[in-house]
PDB file of N, CA and C in Angstrom:
ATOM      1  N   MET A   1     -41.624  57.022  97.141  1.00  0.00           N
ATOM      2  CA  MET A   1     -42.227  55.707  97.266  1.00  0.00           C
ATOM      3  C   MET A   1     -43.245  55.525  96.139  1.00  0.00           C
ATOM      4  N   MET A   2     -43.115  54.437  95.367  1.00  0.00           N
ATOM      5  CA  MET A   2     -44.028  54.176  94.259  1.00  0.00           C
ATOM      6  C   MET A   2     -45.252  53.425  94.771  1.00  0.00           C
ATOM      7  N   GLN A   3     -46.385  53.823  94.245  1.00  0.00           N
ATOM      8  CA  GLN A   3     -47.614  53.129  94.594  1.00  0.00           C
ATOM      9  C   GLN A   3     -48.113  52.375  93.376  1.00  0.00           C
ATOM     10  N   LEU A   4     -48.661  51.214  93.626  1.00  0.00           N
ATOM     11  CA  LEU A   4     -49.293  50.453  92.571  1.00  0.00           C
ATOM     12  C   LEU A   4     -50.672  51.055  92.333  1.00  0.00           C
ATOM     13  N   LEU A   5     -50.891  51.552  91.142  1.00  0.00           N
ATOM     14  CA  LEU A   5     -52.184  52.148  90.833  1.00  0.00           C
ATOM     15  C   LEU A   5     -52.842  51.375  89.703  1.00  0.00           C
ATOM     16  N   PHE A   6     -54.033  50.961  89.934  1.00  0.00           N
ATOM     17  CA  PHE A   6     -54.848  50.297  88.931  1.00  0.00           C
ATOM     18  C   PHE A   6     -56.220  50.928  89.004  1.00  0.00           C
ATOM     19  N   LEU A   7     -56.602  51.596  87.945  1.00  0.00           N
ATOM     20  CA  LEU A   7     -57.862  52.347  87.916  1.00  0.00           C
ATOM     21  C   LEU A   7     -57.910  53.349  89.059  1.00  0.00           C
ATOM     22  N   ASN A   8     -56.762  53.943  89.325  1.00  0.00           N
ATOM     23  CA  ASN A   8     -56.618  54.959  90.364  1.00  0.00           C
ATOM     24  C   ASN A   8     -56.877  54.394  91.764  1.00  0.00           C
ATOM     25  N   LEU A   9     -56.605  53.094  91.948  1.00  0.00           N
ATOM     26  CA  LEU A   9     -56.732  52.449  93.253  1.00  0.00           C
ATOM     27  C   LEU A   9     -55.344  52.078  93.753  1.00  0.00           C
ATOM     28  N   GLY A  10     -55.100  52.285  95.009  1.00  0.00           N
ATOM     29  CA  GLY A  10     -53.829  51.905  95.614  1.00  0.00           C
ATOM     30  C   GLY A  10     -53.829  50.447  96.026  1.00  0.00           C
ATOM     31  N   GLY A  11     -52.694  49.978  96.505  1.00  0.00           N
ATOM     32  CA  GLY A  11     -52.555  48.582  96.917  1.00  0.00           C
ATOM     33  C   GLY A  11     -53.473  48.201  98.057  1.00  0.00           C
ATOM     34  N   GLY A  12     -53.631  49.089  99.046  1.00  0.00           N
ATOM     35  CA  GLY A  12     -54.510  48.801 100.177  1.00  0.00           C
ATOM     36  C   GLY A  12     -55.965  48.695  99.762  1.00  0.00           C
ATOM     37  N   GLU A  13     -56.372  49.545  98.828  1.00  0.00           N
ATOM     38  CA  GLU A  13     -57.763  49.503  98.363  1.00  0.00           C
ATOM     39  C   GLU A  13     -58.038  48.236  97.567  1.00  0.00           C
ATOM     40  N   ILE A  14     -57.071  47.834  96.752  1.00  0.00           N
ATOM     41  CA  ILE A  14     -57.232  46.591  95.997  1.00  0.00           C
ATOM     42  C   ILE A  14     -57.303  45.405  96.955  1.00  0.00           C
ATOM     43  N   PHE A  15     -56.461  45.401  97.977  1.00  0.00           N
ATOM     44  CA  PHE A  15     -56.486  44.335  98.983  1.00  0.00           C
ATOM     45  C   PHE A  15     -57.837  44.278  99.677  1.00  0.00           C
ATOM     46  N   LEU A  16     -58.392  45.421 100.025  1.00  0.00           N
ATOM     47  CA  LEU A  16     -59.693  45.474 100.687  1.00  0.00           C
ATOM     48  C   LEU A  16     -60.789  44.929  99.775  1.00  0.00           C
ATOM     49  N   ILE A  17     -60.753  45.277  98.517  1.00  0.00           N
ATOM     50  CA  ILE A  17     -61.744  44.772  97.564  1.00  0.00           C
ATOM     51  C   ILE A  17     -61.631  43.257  97.444  1.00  0.00           C
ATOM     52  N   MET A  18     -60.403  42.753  97.354  1.00  0.00           N
ATOM     53  CA  MET A  18     -60.211  41.302  97.264  1.00  0.00           C
ATOM     54  C   MET A  18     -60.699  40.596  98.523  1.00  0.00           C
ATOM     55  N   LEU A  19     -60.500  41.201  99.674  1.00  0.00           N
ATOM     56  CA  LEU A  19     -60.972  40.633 100.932  1.00  0.00           C
ATOM     57  C   LEU A  19     -62.497  40.579 100.963  1.00  0.00           C
ATOM     58  N   VAL A  20     -63.150  41.627 100.512  1.00  0.00           N
ATOM     59  CA  VAL A  20     -64.619  41.657 100.474  1.00  0.00           C
ATOM     60  C   VAL A  20     -65.142  40.588  99.527  1.00  0.00           C
ATOM     61  N   VAL A  21     -64.509  40.437  98.355  1.00  0.00           N
ATOM     62  CA  VAL A  21     -64.920  39.399  97.408  1.00  0.00           C
ATOM     63  C   VAL A  21     -64.756  38.023  98.040  1.00  0.00           C
ATOM     64  N   LEU A  22     -63.661  37.811  98.740  1.00  0.00           N
ATOM     65  CA  LEU A  22     -63.429  36.533  99.414  1.00  0.00           C
ATOM     66  C   LEU A  22     -64.500  36.263 100.465  1.00  0.00           C
ATOM     67  N   LEU A  23     -64.883  37.283 101.213  1.00  0.00           N
ATOM     68  CA  LEU A  23     -65.914  37.105 102.240  1.00  0.00           C
ATOM     69  C   LEU A  23     -67.282  36.828 101.628  1.00  0.00           C
ATOM     70  N   PHE A  24     -67.611  37.512 100.531  1.00  0.00           N
ATOM     71  CA  PHE A  24     -68.924  37.316  99.910  1.00  0.00           C
ATOM     72  C   PHE A  24     -69.054  35.952  99.241  1.00  0.00           C
ATOM     73  N   PHE A  25     -68.033  35.546  98.502  1.00  0.00           N
ATOM     74  CA  PHE A  25     -68.161  34.359  97.667  1.00  0.00           C
ATOM     75  C   PHE A  25     -67.491  33.125  98.248  1.00  0.00           C
ATOM     76  N   GLY A  26     -66.561  33.271  99.134  1.00  0.00           N
ATOM     77  CA  GLY A  26     -65.869  32.122  99.700  1.00  0.00           C
ATOM     78  C   GLY A  26     -64.746  31.644  98.792  1.00  0.00           C
ATOM     79  N   SER A  27     -63.825  30.920  99.385  1.00  0.00           N
ATOM     80  CA  SER A  27     -62.639  30.502  98.632  1.00  0.00           C
ATOM     81  C   SER A  27     -62.947  29.433  97.590  1.00  0.00           C
ATOM     82  N   LYS A  28     -63.986  28.653  97.792  1.00  0.00           N
ATOM     83  CA  LYS A  28     -64.325  27.602  96.830  1.00  0.00           C
ATOM     84  C   LYS A  28     -65.051  28.149  95.610  1.00  0.00           C
ATOM     85  N   ARG A  29     -65.731  29.237  95.755  1.00  0.00           N
ATOM     86  CA  ARG A  29     -66.536  29.783  94.661  1.00  0.00           C
ATOM     87  C   ARG A  29     -65.733  30.720  93.755  1.00  0.00           C
ATOM     88  N   ILE A  30     -64.656  31.294  94.242  1.00  0.00           N
ATOM     89  CA  ILE A  30     -63.884  32.267  93.463  1.00  0.00           C
ATOM     90  C   ILE A  30     -63.313  31.652  92.177  1.00  0.00           C
ATOM     91  N   PRO A  31     -62.744  30.434  92.189  1.00  0.00           N
ATOM     92  CA  PRO A  31     -62.260  29.865  90.920  1.00  0.00           C
ATOM     93  C   PRO A  31     -63.376  29.668  89.894  1.00  0.00           C
ATOM     94  N   GLU A  32     -64.566  29.299  90.364  1.00  0.00           N
ATOM     95  CA  GLU A  32     -65.700  29.150  89.453  1.00  0.00           C
ATOM     96  C   GLU A  32     -66.069  30.491  88.829  1.00  0.00           C
ATOM     97  N   LEU A  33     -66.064  31.536  89.640  1.00  0.00           N
ATOM     98  CA  LEU A  33     -66.368  32.868  89.120  1.00  0.00           C
ATOM     99  C   LEU A  33     -65.318  33.313  88.108  1.00  0.00           C
ATOM    100  N   ALA A  34     -64.057  33.061  88.410  1.00  0.00           N
ATOM    101  CA  ALA A  34     -62.980  33.438  87.497  1.00  0.00           C
ATOM    102  C   ALA A  34     -63.087  32.663  86.186  1.00  0.00           C
ATOM    103  N   LYS A  35     -63.441  31.389  86.277  1.00  0.00           N
ATOM    104  CA  LYS A  35     -63.602  30.572  85.076  1.00  0.00           C
ATOM    105  C   LYS A  35     -64.755  31.101  84.226  1.00  0.00           C
ATOM    106  N   GLY A  36     -65.855  31.440  84.866  1.00  0.00           N
ATOM    107  CA  GLY A  36     -66.994  32.000  84.144  1.00  0.00           C
ATOM    108  C   GLY A  36     -66.664  33.334  83.496  1.00  0.00           C
ATOM    109  N   MET A  37     -65.930  34.166  84.220  1.00  0.00           N
ATOM    110  CA  MET A  37     -65.531  35.454  83.649  1.00  0.00           C
ATOM    111  C   MET A  37     -64.589  35.248  82.465  1.00  0.00           C
ATOM    112  N   GLY A  38     -63.693  34.278  82.568  1.00  0.00           N
ATOM    113  CA  GLY A  38     -62.776  33.982  81.467  1.00  0.00           C
ATOM    114  C   GLY A  38     -63.512  33.509  80.231  1.00  0.00           C
ATOM    115  N   LYS A  39     -64.508  32.635  80.435  1.00  0.00           N
ATOM    116  CA  LYS A  39     -65.307  32.164  79.302  1.00  0.00           C
ATOM    117  C   LYS A  39     -66.079  33.313  78.669  1.00  0.00           C
ATOM    118  N   GLY A  40     -66.639  34.171  79.503  1.00  0.00           N
ATOM    119  CA  GLY A  40     -67.376  35.322  78.982  1.00  0.00           C
ATOM    120  C   GLY A  40     -66.485  36.263  78.197  1.00  0.00           C
ATOM    121  N   MET A  41     -65.287  36.495  78.715  1.00  0.00           N
ATOM    122  CA  MET A  41     -64.351  37.363  78.000  1.00  0.00           C
ATOM    123  C   MET A  41     -63.932  36.732  76.676  1.00  0.00           C
ATOM    124  N   ARG A  42     -63.738  35.415  76.661  1.00  0.00           N
ATOM    125  CA  ARG A  42     -63.366  34.712  75.430  1.00  0.00           C
ATOM    126  C   ARG A  42     -64.482  34.818  74.394  1.00  0.00           C
ATOM    127  N   GLN A  43     -65.733  34.631  74.821  1.00  0.00           N
ATOM    128  CA  GLN A  43     -66.858  34.740  73.902  1.00  0.00           C
ATOM    129  C   GLN A  43     -66.976  36.152  73.353  1.00  0.00           C
ATOM    130  N   PHE A  44     -66.769  37.130  74.196  1.00  0.00           N
ATOM    131  CA  PHE A  44     -66.827  38.520  73.757  1.00  0.00           C
ATOM    132  C   PHE A  44     -65.729  38.805  72.740  1.00  0.00           C
ATOM    133  N   LYS A  45     -64.526  38.321  73.012  1.00  0.00           N
ATOM    134  CA  LYS A  45     -63.406  38.537  72.097  1.00  0.00           C
ATOM    135  C   LYS A  45     -63.654  37.836  70.763  1.00  0.00           C
ATOM    136  N   ASP A  46     -64.169  36.611  70.805  1.00  0.00           N
ATOM    137  CA  ASP A  46     -64.474  35.886  69.577  1.00  0.00           C
ATOM    138  C   ASP A  46     -65.543  36.602  68.763  1.00  0.00           C
ATOM    139  N   ALA A  47     -66.553  37.136  69.442  1.00  0.00           N
ATOM    140  CA  ALA A  47     -67.600  37.883  68.745  1.00  0.00           C
ATOM    141  C   ALA A  47     -67.027  39.142  68.104  1.00  0.00           C
ATOM    142  N   MET A  48     -66.161  39.834  68.816  1.00  0.00           N
ATOM    143  CA  MET A  48     -65.533  41.031  68.243  1.00  0.00           C
ATOM    144  C   MET A  48     -64.686  40.677  67.027  1.00  0.00           C
ATOM    145  N   ASN A  49     -63.930  39.578  67.110  1.00  0.00           N
ATOM    146  CA  ASN A  49     -63.113  39.157  65.976  1.00  0.00           C
ATOM    147  C   ASN A  49     -63.985  38.761  64.789  1.00  0.00           C
ATOM    148  N   GLY A  50     -65.113  38.113  65.054  1.00  0.00           N
ATOM    149  CA  GLY A  50     -66.033  37.740  63.986  1.00  0.00           C
ATOM    150  C   GLY A  50     -66.613  38.957  63.289  1.00  0.00           C
ATOM    151  N   ILE A  51     -67.020  39.938  64.063  1.00  0.00           N
ATOM    152  CA  ILE A  51     -67.569  41.164  63.485  1.00  0.00           C
ATOM    153  C   ILE A  51     -66.495  41.894  62.694  1.00  0.00           C
ATOM    154  N   GLU A  52     -65.291  41.938  63.240  1.00  0.00           N
ATOM    155  CA  GLU A  52     -64.188  42.619  62.562  1.00  0.00           C
ATOM    156  C   GLU A  52     -63.880  41.955  61.217  1.00  0.00           C
ATOM    157  N   SER A  53     -63.876  40.625  61.182  1.00  0.00           N
ATOM    158  CA  SER A  53     -63.600  39.929  59.921  1.00  0.00           C
ATOM    159  C   SER A  53     -64.729  40.144  58.915  1.00  0.00           C
ATOM    160  N   GLU A  54     -65.977  40.204  59.381  1.00  0.00           N
ATOM    161  CA  GLU A  54     -67.089  40.484  58.478  1.00  0.00           C
ATOM    162  C   GLU A  54     -66.978  41.878  57.876  1.00  0.00           C
ATOM    163  N   VAL A  55     -66.584  42.838  58.681  1.00  0.00           N
ATOM    164  CA  VAL A  55     -66.415  44.205  58.182  1.00  0.00           C
ATOM    165  C   VAL A  55     -65.279  44.254  57.168  1.00  0.00           C
ATOM    166  N   ARG A  56     -64.178  43.572  57.457  1.00  0.00           N
ATOM    167  CA  ARG A  56     -63.059  43.533  56.504  1.00  0.00           C
ATOM    168  C   ARG A  56     -63.484  42.902  55.185  1.00  0.00           C
ATOM    169  N   ASN A  57     -64.212  41.786  55.257  1.00  0.00           N
ATOM    170  CA  ASN A  57     -64.668  41.127  54.035  1.00  0.00           C
ATOM    171  C   ASN A  57     -65.601  42.030  53.245  1.00  0.00           C
ATOM    172  N   ALA A  58     -66.507  42.687  53.936  1.00  0.00           N
ATOM    173  CA  ALA A  58     -67.441  43.582  53.254  1.00  0.00           C
ATOM    174  C   ALA A  58     -66.706  44.753  52.620  1.00  0.00           C
ATOM    175  N   SER A  59     -65.729  45.305  53.313  1.00  0.00           N
ATOM    176  CA  SER A  59     -64.999  46.441  52.754  1.00  0.00           C
ATOM    177  C   SER A  59     -64.143  46.012  51.572  1.00  0.00           C
ATOM    178  N   SER A  60     -63.589  44.806  51.611  1.00  0.00           N
ATOM    179  CA  SER A  60     -62.806  44.336  50.459  1.00  0.00           C
ATOM    180  C   SER A  60     -63.721  44.073  49.272  1.00  0.00           C
ATOM    181  N   ASP A  61     -64.942  43.570  49.519  1.00  0.00           N
ATOM    182  CA  ASP A  61     -65.900  43.375  48.436  1.00  0.00           C
ATOM    183  C   ASP A  61     -66.282  44.707  47.807  1.00  0.00           C
ATOM    184  N   VAL A  62     -66.486  45.709  48.631  1.00  0.00           N
ATOM    185  CA  VAL A  62     -66.846  47.035  48.126  1.00  0.00           C
ATOM    186  C   VAL A  62     -65.697  47.618  47.316  1.00  0.00           C
ATOM    187  N   SER A  63     -64.482  47.483  47.815  1.00  0.00           N
ATOM    188  CA  SER A  63     -63.334  48.034  47.081  1.00  0.00           C
ATOM    189  C   SER A  63     -63.129  47.299  45.762  1.00  0.00           C
ATOM    190  N   LYS A  64     -63.377  45.984  45.724  1.00  0.00           N
ATOM    191  CA  LYS A  64     -63.291  45.244  44.462  1.00  0.00           C
ATOM    192  C   LYS A  64     -64.349  45.737  43.479  1.00  0.00           C
ATOM    193  N   SER A  65     -65.555  45.977  43.979  1.00  0.00           N
ATOM    194  CA  SER A  65     -66.624  46.479  43.119  1.00  0.00           C
ATOM    195  C   SER A  65     -66.281  47.858  42.579  1.00  0.00           C
ATOM    196  N   VAL A  66     -65.759  48.708  43.419  1.00  0.00           N
ATOM    197  CA  VAL A  66     -65.383  50.059  42.996  1.00  0.00           C
ATOM    198  C   VAL A  66     -64.271  49.990  41.958  1.00  0.00           C
ATOM    199  N   ASN A  67     -63.300  49.133  42.170  1.00  0.00           N
ATOM    200  CA  ASN A  67     -62.205  48.994  41.209  1.00  0.00           C
ATOM    201  C   ASN A  67     -62.705  48.494  39.864  1.00  0.00           C
ATOM    202  N   SER A  68     -63.613  47.529  39.863  1.00  0.00           N
ATOM    203  CA  SER A  68     -64.134  47.011  38.599  1.00  0.00           C
ATOM    204  C   SER A  68     -64.952  48.070  37.872  1.00  0.00           C
ATOM    205  N   VAL A  69     -65.707  48.868  38.599  1.00  0.00           N
ATOM    206  CA  VAL A  69     -66.496  49.934  37.976  1.00  0.00           C
ATOM    207  C   VAL A  69     -65.576  50.994  37.389  1.00  0.00           C
ATOM    208  N   THR A  70     -64.541  51.372  38.108  1.00  0.00           N
ATOM    209  CA  THR A  70     -63.618  52.392  37.595  1.00  0.00           C
ATOM    210  C   THR A  70     -62.848  51.870  36.394  1.00  0.00           C
ATOM    211  N   GLU A  71     -62.519  50.570  36.369  1.00  0.00           N
ATOM    212  CA  GLU A  71     -61.849  49.997  35.200  1.00  0.00           C
ATOM    213  C   GLU A  71     -62.769  50.021  33.991  1.00  0.00           C
ATOM    214  N   LYS A  72     -64.045  49.682  34.190  1.00  0.00           N
ATOM    215  CA  LYS A  72     -65.005  49.711  33.087  1.00  0.00           C
ATOM    216  C   LYS A  72     -65.181  51.130  32.563  1.00  0.00           C
ATOM    217  N   ASP A  73     -65.253  52.099  33.468  1.00  0.00           N
ATOM    218  CA  ASP A  73     -65.404  53.493  33.056  1.00  0.00           C
ATOM    219  C   ASP A  73     -64.180  53.981  32.300  1.00  0.00           C
ATOM    220  N   SER A  74     -63.003  53.578  32.730  1.00  0.00           N
ATOM    221  CA  SER A  74     -61.784  54.024  32.048  1.00  0.00           C
ATOM    222  C   SER A  74     -61.672  53.378  30.672  1.00  0.00           C
ATOM    223  N   LYS A  75     -62.148  52.136  30.516  1.00  0.00           N
ATOM    224  CA  LYS A  75     -62.135  51.477  29.205  1.00  0.00           C
ATOM    225  C   LYS A  75     -63.133  52.139  28.262  1.00  0.00           C
ATOM    226  N   LYS A  76     -64.289  52.556  28.784  1.00  0.00           N
ATOM    227  CA  LYS A  76     -65.291  53.236  27.961  1.00  0.00           C
ATOM    228  C   LYS A  76     -64.786  54.598  27.518  1.00  0.00           C
ATOM    229  N   ALA A  77     -64.012  55.247  28.360  1.00  0.00           N
ATOM    230  CA  ALA A  77     -63.494  56.578  28.035  1.00  0.00           C
ATOM    231  C   ALA A  77     -62.447  56.494  26.931  1.00  0.00           C
ATOM    232  N   ASP A  78     -61.773  55.348  26.801  1.00  0.00           N
ATOM    233  CA  ASP A  78     -60.744  55.201  25.757  1.00  0.00           C
ATOM    234  C   ASP A  78     -61.418  54.972  24.466  1.00  0.00           C
TER     235      ASP A  78
END
């Protein structure tokens, strides 16, 4: 028999957690919470992508600088 495991939790444990969340927040509040979590995850992902692109740009600038310096050095050596 296969069990659904998510973070080492079985189906019954996940159901119990969902039931507790439903009792604490109510059925009307859960969509609002999910929407807020989605927005937060989107902002986090956008921030990560922004940082990643800045690092890529900086590394390409550094590699261009290194290439130009090595070209100048090789021309001086000739």
